[in-house]
Amino acid sequence: MEAQFTIAICGGGNLAHGSIATIGHSNPDYKINLLTRRPQVWAKTISAFTEKSDWESKGTLKGTINCASADPRDVVTGADIILICSPAHTKPGILKQIKPFLKNGALVGSIFGQGGFDFQCQAILENDIISKKLTVFSLQYVPFICKSFNYGKEVNIIGPKRTLYATSFPVENMHYVCNALSQSYFMPCHPVPNFLNLTLCPSNQIIHTGRVTGFFG
């Protein structure tokens, strides 16, 4: 029997839309909770359109939100996986909000690990990482490029990856993290040795500089 996770997604951006639709579509028995400043604008079901992408054959992906709230108590309590889908500078604030409600053994992660996410977790979660046996994790790259066009309801998935890469702290939990992410996104997930691989490979900062130069050049 496959595991049935409760996933708390923190943040209301494009990747939150795409993750709710993708994870929920592939795992209808999962409970997906959403931490957002504007819960009232979110529909119960998020639709992801895949036309003209490598996932076009999958059709429209639909994921259901179990609970959307601005109160972390409602969203994080009892969650097996916490997935932060927000810019690096907002993550410390989110970690402070969710810290009191993390259950023992939870996986606390970021959909995108650049910016020293492990340092942020160690500074804010502190002794809870050991006392609650938490696992801090991060994906090296986002699972897909996506763009919401009807906020809180619909999103276009443009460029899905073929493979996920992730790392964790403690490192001995890395394979469990990869298995959980692979099952959630229905994509193969390979381990990355440690967080330094993510921190020292700032692909966004490299690629986007070139793109912007091209636009304005």
N, C-alpha and C. Protein backbone atom coordinates (compact mmCIF):
# COMPACT_ATOMS: atom_id res chain seq x y z
N MET A 1 0.84 -1.20 0.00
CA MET A 1 0.00 0.00 0.00
C MET A 1 0.88 1.24 0.00
N GLU A 2 0.60 2.20 -0.89
CA GLU A 2 1.39 3.40 -0.99
C GLU A 2 1.06 4.36 0.16
N ALA A 3 2.08 5.14 0.58
CA ALA A 3 1.88 6.11 1.65
C ALA A 3 0.89 7.18 1.20
N GLN A 4 0.13 7.68 2.14
CA GLN A 4 -0.79 8.78 1.88
C GLN A 4 -0.37 9.96 2.75
N PHE A 5 0.25 10.95 2.13
CA PHE A 5 0.81 12.07 2.87
C PHE A 5 -0.18 13.21 3.03
N THR A 6 0.01 13.97 4.10
CA THR A 6 -0.58 15.30 4.21
C THR A 6 0.53 16.30 3.90
N ILE A 7 0.30 17.13 2.89
CA ILE A 7 1.32 18.07 2.43
C ILE A 7 0.85 19.49 2.69
N ALA A 8 1.69 20.28 3.35
CA ALA A 8 1.41 21.69 3.57
C ALA A 8 2.25 22.51 2.60
N ILE A 9 1.59 23.18 1.68
CA ILE A 9 2.29 24.04 0.73
C ILE A 9 2.20 25.47 1.23
N CYS A 10 3.36 26.11 1.37
CA CYS A 10 3.43 27.46 1.93
C CYS A 10 3.82 28.44 0.85
N GLY A 11 2.94 29.38 0.56
CA GLY A 11 3.19 30.35 -0.50
C GLY A 11 2.09 30.28 -1.54
N GLY A 12 1.86 31.38 -2.21
CA GLY A 12 0.75 31.42 -3.16
C GLY A 12 1.15 31.77 -4.58
N GLY A 13 2.41 31.50 -4.95
CA GLY A 13 2.89 31.87 -6.28
C GLY A 13 2.64 30.81 -7.33
N ASN A 14 3.34 30.95 -8.45
CA ASN A 14 3.16 30.05 -9.58
C ASN A 14 3.43 28.59 -9.21
N LEU A 15 4.52 28.36 -8.48
CA LEU A 15 4.91 26.99 -8.15
C LEU A 15 3.94 26.34 -7.17
N ALA A 16 3.31 27.14 -6.33
CA ALA A 16 2.27 26.60 -5.45
C ALA A 16 1.09 26.11 -6.28
N HIS A 17 0.66 26.91 -7.26
CA HIS A 17 -0.42 26.49 -8.15
C HIS A 17 -0.07 25.17 -8.85
N GLY A 18 1.13 25.15 -9.47
CA GLY A 18 1.52 23.96 -10.22
C GLY A 18 1.67 22.73 -9.35
N SER A 19 2.20 22.90 -8.14
CA SER A 19 2.41 21.76 -7.25
C SER A 19 1.09 21.19 -6.74
N ILE A 20 0.15 22.06 -6.40
CA ILE A 20 -1.16 21.57 -5.95
C ILE A 20 -1.82 20.75 -7.04
N ALA A 21 -1.81 21.27 -8.26
CA ALA A 21 -2.46 20.55 -9.36
C ALA A 21 -1.75 19.24 -9.67
N THR A 22 -0.43 19.27 -9.73
CA THR A 22 0.35 18.08 -10.10
C THR A 22 0.29 17.00 -9.03
N ILE A 23 0.57 17.38 -7.78
CA ILE A 23 0.57 16.40 -6.70
C ILE A 23 -0.83 15.86 -6.46
N GLY A 24 -1.81 16.76 -6.45
CA GLY A 24 -3.18 16.33 -6.20
C GLY A 24 -3.74 15.43 -7.29
N HIS A 25 -3.38 15.72 -8.55
CA HIS A 25 -3.87 14.91 -9.67
C HIS A 25 -3.30 13.50 -9.60
N SER A 26 -2.02 13.38 -9.27
CA SER A 26 -1.37 12.08 -9.24
C SER A 26 -1.68 11.30 -7.96
N ASN A 27 -2.09 12.02 -6.92
CA ASN A 27 -2.32 11.39 -5.61
C ASN A 27 -3.63 11.91 -5.01
N PRO A 28 -4.75 11.46 -5.51
CA PRO A 28 -6.04 12.00 -5.04
C PRO A 28 -6.32 11.72 -3.58
N ASP A 29 -5.63 10.77 -2.96
CA ASP A 29 -5.84 10.47 -1.55
C ASP A 29 -5.00 11.35 -0.62
N TYR A 30 -4.07 12.14 -1.18
CA TYR A 30 -3.28 13.04 -0.35
C TYR A 30 -4.17 14.18 0.16
N LYS A 31 -3.85 14.70 1.33
CA LYS A 31 -4.44 15.94 1.80
C LYS A 31 -3.45 17.06 1.51
N ILE A 32 -3.89 18.06 0.76
CA ILE A 32 -3.03 19.18 0.42
C ILE A 32 -3.58 20.43 1.08
N ASN A 33 -2.80 20.99 2.01
CA ASN A 33 -3.18 22.23 2.69
C ASN A 33 -2.34 23.37 2.15
N LEU A 34 -2.89 24.57 2.19
CA LEU A 34 -2.22 25.74 1.61
C LEU A 34 -2.16 26.88 2.61
N LEU A 35 -0.92 27.37 2.86
CA LEU A 35 -0.72 28.56 3.69
C LEU A 35 -0.56 29.76 2.76
N THR A 36 -1.50 30.69 2.82
CA THR A 36 -1.50 31.84 1.94
C THR A 36 -2.10 33.04 2.65
N ARG A 37 -1.65 34.23 2.28
CA ARG A 37 -2.19 35.44 2.89
C ARG A 37 -3.60 35.73 2.40
N ARG A 38 -3.99 35.13 1.27
CA ARG A 38 -5.32 35.40 0.70
C ARG A 38 -6.09 34.11 0.45
N PRO A 39 -6.43 33.37 1.49
CA PRO A 39 -7.11 32.09 1.28
C PRO A 39 -8.47 32.23 0.61
N GLN A 40 -9.09 33.39 0.76
CA GLN A 40 -10.44 33.57 0.24
C GLN A 40 -10.50 33.58 -1.29
N VAL A 41 -9.38 33.82 -1.96
CA VAL A 41 -9.41 33.90 -3.42
C VAL A 41 -9.09 32.56 -4.09
N TRP A 42 -8.76 31.55 -3.29
CA TRP A 42 -8.40 30.26 -3.86
C TRP A 42 -9.62 29.36 -4.04
N ALA A 43 -9.72 28.74 -5.21
CA ALA A 43 -10.77 27.77 -5.47
C ALA A 43 -10.42 26.45 -4.79
N LYS A 44 -11.40 25.60 -4.65
CA LYS A 44 -11.17 24.28 -4.04
C LYS A 44 -10.30 23.41 -4.94
N THR A 45 -10.46 23.56 -6.25
CA THR A 45 -9.70 22.76 -7.22
C THR A 45 -8.82 23.67 -8.07
N ILE A 46 -7.55 23.29 -8.21
CA ILE A 46 -6.61 24.02 -9.06
C ILE A 46 -6.37 23.21 -10.33
N SER A 47 -6.51 23.86 -11.47
CA SER A 47 -6.33 23.20 -12.77
C SER A 47 -5.04 23.66 -13.42
N ALA A 48 -4.26 22.68 -13.89
CA ALA A 48 -3.01 22.98 -14.60
C ALA A 48 -3.14 22.50 -16.03
N PHE A 49 -2.92 23.41 -16.98
CA PHE A 49 -3.05 23.09 -18.40
C PHE A 49 -1.67 22.79 -18.97
N THR A 50 -1.58 21.74 -19.74
CA THR A 50 -0.28 21.24 -20.20
C THR A 50 -0.09 21.35 -21.71
N GLU A 51 -1.01 22.00 -22.40
CA GLU A 51 -0.94 22.10 -23.87
C GLU A 51 0.39 22.70 -24.32
N LYS A 52 0.97 22.09 -25.33
CA LYS A 52 2.24 22.51 -25.95
C LYS A 52 3.45 22.29 -25.04
N SER A 53 3.28 21.52 -23.99
CA SER A 53 4.41 21.14 -23.15
C SER A 53 4.69 19.66 -23.35
N ASP A 54 5.76 19.17 -22.74
CA ASP A 54 6.08 17.74 -22.83
C ASP A 54 5.05 16.89 -22.10
N TRP A 55 4.21 17.51 -21.31
CA TRP A 55 3.15 16.78 -20.59
C TRP A 55 1.80 16.88 -21.28
N GLU A 56 1.79 17.32 -22.53
CA GLU A 56 0.50 17.55 -23.19
C GLU A 56 -0.38 16.30 -23.20
N SER A 57 0.25 15.13 -23.31
CA SER A 57 -0.52 13.88 -23.33
C SER A 57 -1.24 13.60 -22.01
N LYS A 58 -0.81 14.25 -20.93
CA LYS A 58 -1.46 14.06 -19.63
C LYS A 58 -2.80 14.78 -19.54
N GLY A 59 -3.01 15.75 -20.44
CA GLY A 59 -4.24 16.53 -20.38
C GLY A 59 -4.19 17.55 -19.24
N THR A 60 -5.34 17.99 -18.81
CA THR A 60 -5.43 18.96 -17.72
C THR A 60 -5.30 18.25 -16.38
N LEU A 61 -4.41 18.76 -15.53
CA LEU A 61 -4.19 18.18 -14.21
C LEU A 61 -5.00 18.96 -13.19
N LYS A 62 -5.68 18.25 -12.30
CA LYS A 62 -6.53 18.90 -11.31
C LYS A 62 -6.19 18.38 -9.91
N GLY A 63 -5.92 19.31 -9.02
CA GLY A 63 -5.63 18.97 -7.63
C GLY A 63 -6.58 19.69 -6.69
N THR A 64 -6.98 19.01 -5.64
CA THR A 64 -7.95 19.56 -4.69
C THR A 64 -7.26 20.03 -3.42
N ILE A 65 -7.63 21.21 -2.96
CA ILE A 65 -7.11 21.76 -1.71
C ILE A 65 -8.00 21.31 -0.56
N ASN A 66 -7.38 20.69 0.43
CA ASN A 66 -8.13 20.26 1.62
C ASN A 66 -8.44 21.45 2.52
N CYS A 67 -7.45 22.34 2.71
CA CYS A 67 -7.62 23.49 3.59
C CYS A 67 -6.72 24.62 3.12
N ALA A 68 -7.28 25.80 2.92
CA ALA A 68 -6.51 27.01 2.61
C ALA A 68 -6.72 28.00 3.73
N SER A 69 -5.63 28.51 4.32
CA SER A 69 -5.75 29.38 5.48
C SER A 69 -4.52 30.27 5.59
N ALA A 70 -4.70 31.41 6.24
CA ALA A 70 -3.57 32.28 6.58
C ALA A 70 -2.99 31.93 7.94
N ASP A 71 -3.62 30.98 8.64
CA ASP A 71 -3.18 30.56 9.97
C ASP A 71 -2.36 29.27 9.84
N PRO A 72 -1.07 29.30 10.17
CA PRO A 72 -0.25 28.09 10.03
C PRO A 72 -0.74 26.93 10.90
N ARG A 73 -1.44 27.22 11.97
CA ARG A 73 -1.99 26.15 12.81
C ARG A 73 -2.94 25.26 11.99
N ASP A 74 -3.74 25.88 11.14
CA ASP A 74 -4.70 25.13 10.34
C ASP A 74 -4.03 24.29 9.26
N VAL A 75 -2.90 24.79 8.77
CA VAL A 75 -2.28 24.20 7.58
C VAL A 75 -1.19 23.19 7.92
N VAL A 76 -0.36 23.51 8.90
CA VAL A 76 0.87 22.74 9.15
C VAL A 76 0.67 21.63 10.18
N THR A 77 -0.25 21.81 11.10
CA THR A 77 -0.46 20.80 12.14
C THR A 77 -0.77 19.44 11.52
N GLY A 78 0.04 18.44 11.85
CA GLY A 78 -0.17 17.09 11.34
C GLY A 78 0.38 16.83 9.96
N ALA A 79 1.00 17.84 9.31
CA ALA A 79 1.52 17.65 7.95
C ALA A 79 2.79 16.80 7.96
N ASP A 80 2.87 15.86 7.02
CA ASP A 80 4.05 15.01 6.88
C ASP A 80 5.16 15.73 6.12
N ILE A 81 4.76 16.52 5.11
CA ILE A 81 5.72 17.24 4.26
C ILE A 81 5.30 18.70 4.21
N ILE A 82 6.24 19.58 4.49
CA ILE A 82 6.01 21.01 4.34
C ILE A 82 6.87 21.47 3.17
N LEU A 83 6.24 22.04 2.16
CA LEU A 83 6.93 22.46 0.95
C LEU A 83 6.76 23.96 0.77
N ILE A 84 7.84 24.69 0.94
CA ILE A 84 7.79 26.15 0.84
C ILE A 84 8.02 26.56 -0.61
N CYS A 85 7.02 27.23 -1.17
CA CYS A 85 7.06 27.67 -2.58
C CYS A 85 7.05 29.20 -2.59
N SER A 86 8.17 29.80 -2.26
CA SER A 86 8.25 31.25 -2.19
C SER A 86 9.69 31.69 -2.40
N PRO A 87 9.94 32.99 -2.70
CA PRO A 87 11.30 33.48 -2.89
C PRO A 87 12.16 33.30 -1.63
N ALA A 88 13.47 33.26 -1.83
CA ALA A 88 14.40 32.97 -0.73
C ALA A 88 14.26 33.95 0.43
N HIS A 89 14.03 35.23 0.14
CA HIS A 89 14.00 36.23 1.22
C HIS A 89 12.76 36.11 2.09
N THR A 90 11.73 35.39 1.63
CA THR A 90 10.50 35.23 2.42
C THR A 90 10.52 33.98 3.30
N LYS A 91 11.47 33.08 3.05
CA LYS A 91 11.46 31.80 3.74
C LYS A 91 11.69 31.89 5.25
N PRO A 92 12.59 32.77 5.73
CA PRO A 92 12.73 32.88 7.19
C PRO A 92 11.42 33.24 7.89
N GLY A 93 10.66 34.15 7.30
CA GLY A 93 9.38 34.52 7.90
C GLY A 93 8.41 33.35 7.95
N ILE A 94 8.38 32.56 6.88
CA ILE A 94 7.50 31.40 6.85
C ILE A 94 7.95 30.36 7.87
N LEU A 95 9.26 30.13 7.96
CA LEU A 95 9.77 29.16 8.93
C LEU A 95 9.40 29.56 10.36
N LYS A 96 9.45 30.85 10.66
CA LYS A 96 9.08 31.32 12.00
C LYS A 96 7.59 31.07 12.25
N GLN A 97 6.77 31.25 11.23
CA GLN A 97 5.33 31.03 11.39
C GLN A 97 5.00 29.56 11.66
N ILE A 98 5.65 28.68 10.92
CA ILE A 98 5.26 27.26 10.99
C ILE A 98 5.96 26.50 12.11
N LYS A 99 7.04 27.04 12.65
CA LYS A 99 7.86 26.32 13.63
C LYS A 99 7.05 25.71 14.78
N PRO A 100 6.13 26.43 15.41
CA PRO A 100 5.43 25.84 16.56
C PRO A 100 4.52 24.66 16.21
N PHE A 101 4.21 24.48 14.94
CA PHE A 101 3.20 23.50 14.57
C PHE A 101 3.76 22.28 13.83
N LEU A 102 5.08 22.21 13.72
CA LEU A 102 5.70 21.08 13.02
C LEU A 102 5.61 19.83 13.88
N LYS A 103 5.18 18.74 13.27
CA LYS A 103 5.07 17.50 14.03
C LYS A 103 6.39 16.74 14.01
N ASN A 104 6.55 15.82 14.92
CA ASN A 104 7.76 14.99 14.97
C ASN A 104 7.92 14.21 13.67
N GLY A 105 9.14 14.23 13.13
CA GLY A 105 9.43 13.47 11.93
C GLY A 105 9.04 14.12 10.63
N ALA A 106 8.57 15.36 10.67
CA ALA A 106 8.14 16.03 9.43
C ALA A 106 9.32 16.32 8.52
N LEU A 107 9.04 16.37 7.22
CA LEU A 107 10.00 16.81 6.22
C LEU A 107 9.72 18.28 5.92
N VAL A 108 10.71 19.13 6.14
CA VAL A 108 10.53 20.57 5.95
C VAL A 108 11.42 21.00 4.81
N GLY A 109 10.82 21.43 3.71
CA GLY A 109 11.64 21.67 2.54
C GLY A 109 11.24 22.86 1.70
N SER A 110 12.11 23.13 0.74
CA SER A 110 11.90 24.22 -0.21
C SER A 110 11.86 23.63 -1.62
N ILE A 111 10.98 24.19 -2.43
CA ILE A 111 10.89 23.71 -3.81
C ILE A 111 12.10 24.16 -4.62
N PHE A 112 12.88 25.07 -4.03
CA PHE A 112 14.03 25.61 -4.74
C PHE A 112 15.07 25.97 -3.69
N GLY A 113 16.25 25.34 -3.73
CA GLY A 113 17.16 25.38 -2.60
C GLY A 113 18.26 26.42 -2.62
N GLN A 114 18.32 27.25 -3.64
CA GLN A 114 19.36 28.26 -3.65
C GLN A 114 19.08 29.32 -2.59
N GLY A 115 20.14 29.96 -2.12
CA GLY A 115 19.95 31.01 -1.12
C GLY A 115 20.20 30.54 0.30
N GLY A 116 20.78 29.36 0.48
CA GLY A 116 21.15 28.90 1.82
C GLY A 116 19.97 28.47 2.67
N PHE A 117 19.05 27.71 2.09
CA PHE A 117 17.87 27.28 2.83
C PHE A 117 18.24 26.48 4.07
N ASP A 118 19.28 25.66 3.99
CA ASP A 118 19.68 24.87 5.16
C ASP A 118 20.15 25.77 6.30
N PHE A 119 20.87 26.86 5.96
CA PHE A 119 21.30 27.80 7.00
C PHE A 119 20.10 28.51 7.64
N GLN A 120 19.12 28.85 6.81
CA GLN A 120 17.92 29.49 7.33
C GLN A 120 17.20 28.56 8.32
N CYS A 121 17.09 27.29 7.95
CA CYS A 121 16.41 26.32 8.82
C CYS A 121 17.16 26.12 10.12
N GLN A 122 18.49 26.00 10.04
CA GLN A 122 19.27 25.79 11.25
C GLN A 122 19.20 26.99 12.18
N ALA A 123 19.13 28.19 11.61
CA ALA A 123 19.06 29.40 12.43
C ALA A 123 17.70 29.56 13.11
N ILE A 124 16.63 29.14 12.42
CA ILE A 124 15.27 29.40 12.92
C ILE A 124 14.69 28.19 13.65
N LEU A 125 14.82 27.01 13.08
CA LEU A 125 14.27 25.81 13.71
C LEU A 125 15.15 25.33 14.87
N GLU A 126 16.43 25.65 14.81
CA GLU A 126 17.37 25.40 15.89
C GLU A 126 17.28 23.96 16.41
N ASN A 127 17.10 23.81 17.74
CA ASN A 127 17.12 22.50 18.37
C ASN A 127 15.95 21.61 17.97
N ASP A 128 14.90 22.20 17.39
CA ASP A 128 13.75 21.40 16.96
C ASP A 128 14.14 20.38 15.90
N ILE A 129 15.17 20.69 15.13
CA ILE A 129 15.60 19.75 14.09
C ILE A 129 15.98 18.42 14.72
N ILE A 130 16.65 18.47 15.87
CA ILE A 130 17.06 17.24 16.55
C ILE A 130 15.95 16.72 17.46
N SER A 131 15.36 17.60 18.28
CA SER A 131 14.38 17.12 19.26
C SER A 131 13.11 16.58 18.61
N LYS A 132 12.71 17.17 17.47
CA LYS A 132 11.52 16.68 16.75
C LYS A 132 11.87 15.74 15.61
N LYS A 133 13.16 15.46 15.43
CA LYS A 133 13.63 14.58 14.37
C LYS A 133 13.13 15.05 13.00
N LEU A 134 13.29 16.35 12.76
CA LEU A 134 12.89 16.93 11.49
C LEU A 134 13.93 16.63 10.43
N THR A 135 13.50 16.58 9.18
CA THR A 135 14.41 16.49 8.05
C THR A 135 14.25 17.73 7.19
N VAL A 136 15.33 18.45 7.00
CA VAL A 136 15.34 19.62 6.13
C VAL A 136 15.75 19.16 4.73
N PHE A 137 15.02 19.58 3.71
CA PHE A 137 15.34 19.15 2.35
C PHE A 137 15.11 20.26 1.36
N SER A 138 15.62 20.06 0.17
CA SER A 138 15.34 21.00 -0.90
C SER A 138 15.54 20.34 -2.25
N LEU A 139 14.73 20.76 -3.20
CA LEU A 139 14.97 20.41 -4.59
C LEU A 139 16.07 21.32 -5.15
N GLN A 140 16.85 20.77 -6.07
CA GLN A 140 17.88 21.60 -6.70
C GLN A 140 17.29 22.53 -7.74
N TYR A 141 16.33 22.03 -8.49
CA TYR A 141 15.65 22.83 -9.50
C TYR A 141 14.15 22.65 -9.35
N VAL A 142 13.39 23.60 -9.83
CA VAL A 142 11.93 23.49 -9.76
C VAL A 142 11.47 22.33 -10.66
N PRO A 143 10.34 21.69 -10.33
CA PRO A 143 9.87 20.56 -11.14
C PRO A 143 9.41 20.97 -12.53
N PHE A 144 9.03 22.23 -12.68
CA PHE A 144 8.51 22.71 -13.97
C PHE A 144 8.51 24.23 -13.97
N ILE A 145 8.51 24.78 -15.17
CA ILE A 145 8.25 26.20 -15.34
C ILE A 145 6.74 26.34 -15.49
N CYS A 146 6.14 27.23 -14.73
CA CYS A 146 4.69 27.37 -14.80
C CYS A 146 4.30 28.83 -14.56
N LYS A 147 3.09 29.17 -14.95
CA LYS A 147 2.61 30.54 -14.80
C LYS A 147 1.10 30.52 -14.54
N SER A 148 0.70 31.05 -13.40
CA SER A 148 -0.73 31.15 -13.12
C SER A 148 -1.31 32.30 -13.94
N PHE A 149 -2.47 32.07 -14.54
CA PHE A 149 -3.11 33.12 -15.33
C PHE A 149 -4.49 33.47 -14.78
N ASN A 150 -4.98 32.66 -13.87
CA ASN A 150 -6.24 32.94 -13.18
C ASN A 150 -5.96 32.62 -11.71
N TYR A 151 -5.54 33.65 -10.97
CA TYR A 151 -4.96 33.43 -9.65
C TYR A 151 -5.88 32.63 -8.73
N GLY A 152 -5.28 31.62 -8.10
CA GLY A 152 -6.03 30.78 -7.18
C GLY A 152 -6.89 29.74 -7.85
N LYS A 153 -6.78 29.62 -9.17
CA LYS A 153 -7.65 28.69 -9.89
C LYS A 153 -6.93 27.91 -11.00
N GLU A 154 -6.18 28.62 -11.86
CA GLU A 154 -5.65 27.98 -13.06
C GLU A 154 -4.20 28.38 -13.31
N VAL A 155 -3.44 27.44 -13.89
CA VAL A 155 -2.03 27.65 -14.14
C VAL A 155 -1.63 26.92 -15.42
N ASN A 156 -0.71 27.47 -16.17
CA ASN A 156 -0.12 26.79 -17.32
C ASN A 156 1.21 26.18 -16.92
N ILE A 157 1.37 24.89 -17.20
CA ILE A 157 2.67 24.24 -17.02
C ILE A 157 3.36 24.24 -18.38
N ILE A 158 4.51 24.90 -18.43
CA ILE A 158 5.17 25.13 -19.71
C ILE A 158 6.33 24.18 -19.93
N GLY A 159 7.22 24.08 -18.94
CA GLY A 159 8.43 23.29 -19.13
C GLY A 159 8.67 22.32 -18.00
N PRO A 160 8.03 21.15 -18.00
CA PRO A 160 8.29 20.17 -16.94
C PRO A 160 9.66 19.52 -17.09
N LYS A 161 10.31 19.29 -15.96
CA LYS A 161 11.58 18.57 -15.96
C LYS A 161 11.32 17.07 -16.14
N ARG A 162 12.35 16.36 -16.58
CA ARG A 162 12.24 14.91 -16.67
C ARG A 162 12.64 14.22 -15.37
N THR A 163 13.48 14.91 -14.59
CA THR A 163 14.02 14.32 -13.36
C THR A 163 14.13 15.39 -12.29
N LEU A 164 13.85 15.00 -11.06
CA LEU A 164 14.06 15.87 -9.91
C LEU A 164 15.39 15.52 -9.23
N TYR A 165 15.98 16.49 -8.57
CA TYR A 165 17.17 16.27 -7.77
C TYR A 165 16.94 16.93 -6.41
N ALA A 166 17.33 16.24 -5.34
CA ALA A 166 17.07 16.77 -4.00
C ALA A 166 18.18 16.37 -3.04
N THR A 167 18.32 17.16 -1.99
CA THR A 167 19.25 16.85 -0.91
C THR A 167 18.56 17.05 0.42
N SER A 168 19.19 16.58 1.50
CA SER A 168 18.56 16.70 2.81
C SER A 168 19.60 16.84 3.91
N PHE A 169 19.09 17.28 5.05
CA PHE A 169 19.87 17.27 6.30
C PHE A 169 18.95 16.74 7.39
N PRO A 170 19.29 15.66 8.07
CA PRO A 170 20.52 14.87 7.95
C PRO A 170 20.60 14.12 6.61
N VAL A 171 21.82 13.89 6.16
CA VAL A 171 22.02 13.29 4.85
C VAL A 171 21.52 11.84 4.80
N GLU A 172 21.46 11.16 5.94
CA GLU A 172 21.03 9.77 5.92
C GLU A 172 19.55 9.62 5.58
N ASN A 173 18.81 10.72 5.60
CA ASN A 173 17.39 10.66 5.24
C ASN A 173 17.14 11.02 3.78
N MET A 174 18.21 11.19 3.03
CA MET A 174 18.09 11.68 1.65
C MET A 174 17.26 10.76 0.77
N HIS A 175 17.44 9.46 0.90
CA HIS A 175 16.71 8.54 0.03
C HIS A 175 15.22 8.51 0.38
N TYR A 176 14.91 8.67 1.66
CA TYR A 176 13.50 8.76 2.04
C TYR A 176 12.87 10.01 1.44
N VAL A 177 13.59 11.14 1.50
CA VAL A 177 13.11 12.38 0.91
C VAL A 177 12.88 12.20 -0.60
N CYS A 178 13.85 11.61 -1.28
CA CYS A 178 13.72 11.42 -2.73
C CYS A 178 12.54 10.52 -3.06
N ASN A 179 12.34 9.47 -2.28
CA ASN A 179 11.19 8.60 -2.52
C ASN A 179 9.88 9.34 -2.31
N ALA A 180 9.81 10.16 -1.26
CA ALA A 180 8.59 10.91 -0.99
C ALA A 180 8.29 11.91 -2.10
N LEU A 181 9.32 12.61 -2.58
CA LEU A 181 9.13 13.58 -3.66
C LEU A 181 8.78 12.90 -4.97
N SER A 182 9.43 11.78 -5.24
CA SER A 182 9.15 11.03 -6.46
C SER A 182 7.71 10.57 -6.49
N GLN A 183 7.23 10.07 -5.35
CA GLN A 183 5.85 9.61 -5.29
C GLN A 183 4.88 10.78 -5.38
N SER A 184 5.22 11.91 -4.78
CA SER A 184 4.32 13.06 -4.78
C SER A 184 4.16 13.66 -6.17
N TYR A 185 5.29 13.87 -6.86
CA TYR A 185 5.24 14.50 -8.17
C TYR A 185 5.14 13.50 -9.32
N PHE A 186 5.25 12.20 -9.01
CA PHE A 186 5.27 11.15 -10.04
C PHE A 186 6.38 11.42 -11.06
N MET A 187 7.55 11.79 -10.54
CA MET A 187 8.74 12.03 -11.34
C MET A 187 9.92 11.39 -10.61
N PRO A 188 10.86 10.79 -11.33
CA PRO A 188 12.03 10.23 -10.66
C PRO A 188 12.82 11.33 -9.95
N CYS A 189 13.30 11.03 -8.74
CA CYS A 189 14.06 12.01 -7.95
C CYS A 189 15.37 11.38 -7.52
N HIS A 190 16.47 12.02 -7.87
CA HIS A 190 17.80 11.50 -7.56
C HIS A 190 18.44 12.32 -6.45
N PRO A 191 19.23 11.68 -5.58
CA PRO A 191 19.88 12.40 -4.48
C PRO A 191 21.05 13.25 -4.94
N VAL A 192 21.22 14.39 -4.29
CA VAL A 192 22.36 15.28 -4.47
C VAL A 192 23.15 15.23 -3.16
N PRO A 193 24.49 15.17 -3.22
CA PRO A 193 25.28 14.90 -2.01
C PRO A 193 24.99 15.78 -0.81
N ASN A 194 24.90 17.10 -1.01
CA ASN A 194 24.62 17.97 0.14
C ASN A 194 24.16 19.35 -0.34
N PHE A 195 23.81 20.22 0.61
CA PHE A 195 23.27 21.53 0.27
C PHE A 195 24.26 22.43 -0.45
N LEU A 196 25.56 22.18 -0.29
CA LEU A 196 26.54 23.00 -0.99
C LEU A 196 26.40 22.88 -2.50
N ASN A 197 25.98 21.71 -2.98
CA ASN A 197 25.75 21.54 -4.41
C ASN A 197 24.69 22.50 -4.92
N LEU A 198 23.72 22.81 -4.08
CA LEU A 198 22.66 23.74 -4.46
C LEU A 198 23.13 25.18 -4.32
N THR A 199 23.79 25.47 -3.20
CA THR A 199 24.22 26.84 -2.91
C THR A 199 25.25 27.34 -3.92
N LEU A 200 26.13 26.44 -4.37
CA LEU A 200 27.21 26.84 -5.27
C LEU A 200 26.84 26.68 -6.75
N CYS A 201 25.58 26.40 -7.02
CA CYS A 201 25.13 26.30 -8.41
C CYS A 201 23.92 27.20 -8.60
N PRO A 202 24.12 28.52 -8.57
CA PRO A 202 23.00 29.48 -8.67
C PRO A 202 22.55 29.66 -10.12
N SER A 203 21.88 28.66 -10.65
CA SER A 203 21.55 28.68 -12.09
C SER A 203 20.66 29.86 -12.47
N ASN A 204 19.72 30.22 -11.61
CA ASN A 204 18.87 31.37 -11.93
C ASN A 204 19.69 32.64 -12.13
N GLN A 205 20.62 32.86 -11.21
CA GLN A 205 21.42 34.07 -11.28
C GLN A 205 22.32 34.08 -12.52
N ILE A 206 22.69 32.90 -13.00
CA ILE A 206 23.53 32.80 -14.20
C ILE A 206 22.68 32.94 -15.46
N ILE A 207 21.59 32.15 -15.53
CA ILE A 207 20.77 32.12 -16.75
C ILE A 207 20.01 33.43 -16.94
N HIS A 208 19.40 33.93 -15.87
CA HIS A 208 18.55 35.11 -16.02
C HIS A 208 19.35 36.36 -16.39
N THR A 209 20.58 36.45 -15.93
CA THR A 209 21.43 37.58 -16.32
C THR A 209 21.63 37.61 -17.83
N GLY A 210 21.90 36.44 -18.39
CA GLY A 210 22.07 36.35 -19.84
C GLY A 210 20.78 36.67 -20.59
N ARG A 211 19.64 36.18 -20.06
CA ARG A 211 18.35 36.43 -20.73
C ARG A 211 18.03 37.91 -20.72
N VAL A 212 18.21 38.55 -19.57
CA VAL A 212 17.89 39.97 -19.45
C VAL A 212 18.81 40.80 -20.35
N THR A 213 20.09 40.42 -20.41
CA THR A 213 21.02 41.10 -21.29
C THR A 213 20.56 41.00 -22.74
N GLY A 214 20.08 39.81 -23.10
CA GLY A 214 19.56 39.60 -24.46
C GLY A 214 18.36 40.47 -24.76
N PHE A 215 17.44 40.58 -23.80
CA PHE A 215 16.24 41.39 -24.00
C PHE A 215 16.59 42.86 -24.20
N PHE A 216 17.48 43.39 -23.38
CA PHE A 216 17.75 44.82 -23.40
C PHE A 216 18.91 45.18 -24.33
N GLY A 217 19.67 44.14 -24.77
CA GLY A 217 20.77 44.42 -25.65
C GLY A 217 20.30 44.78 -27.05
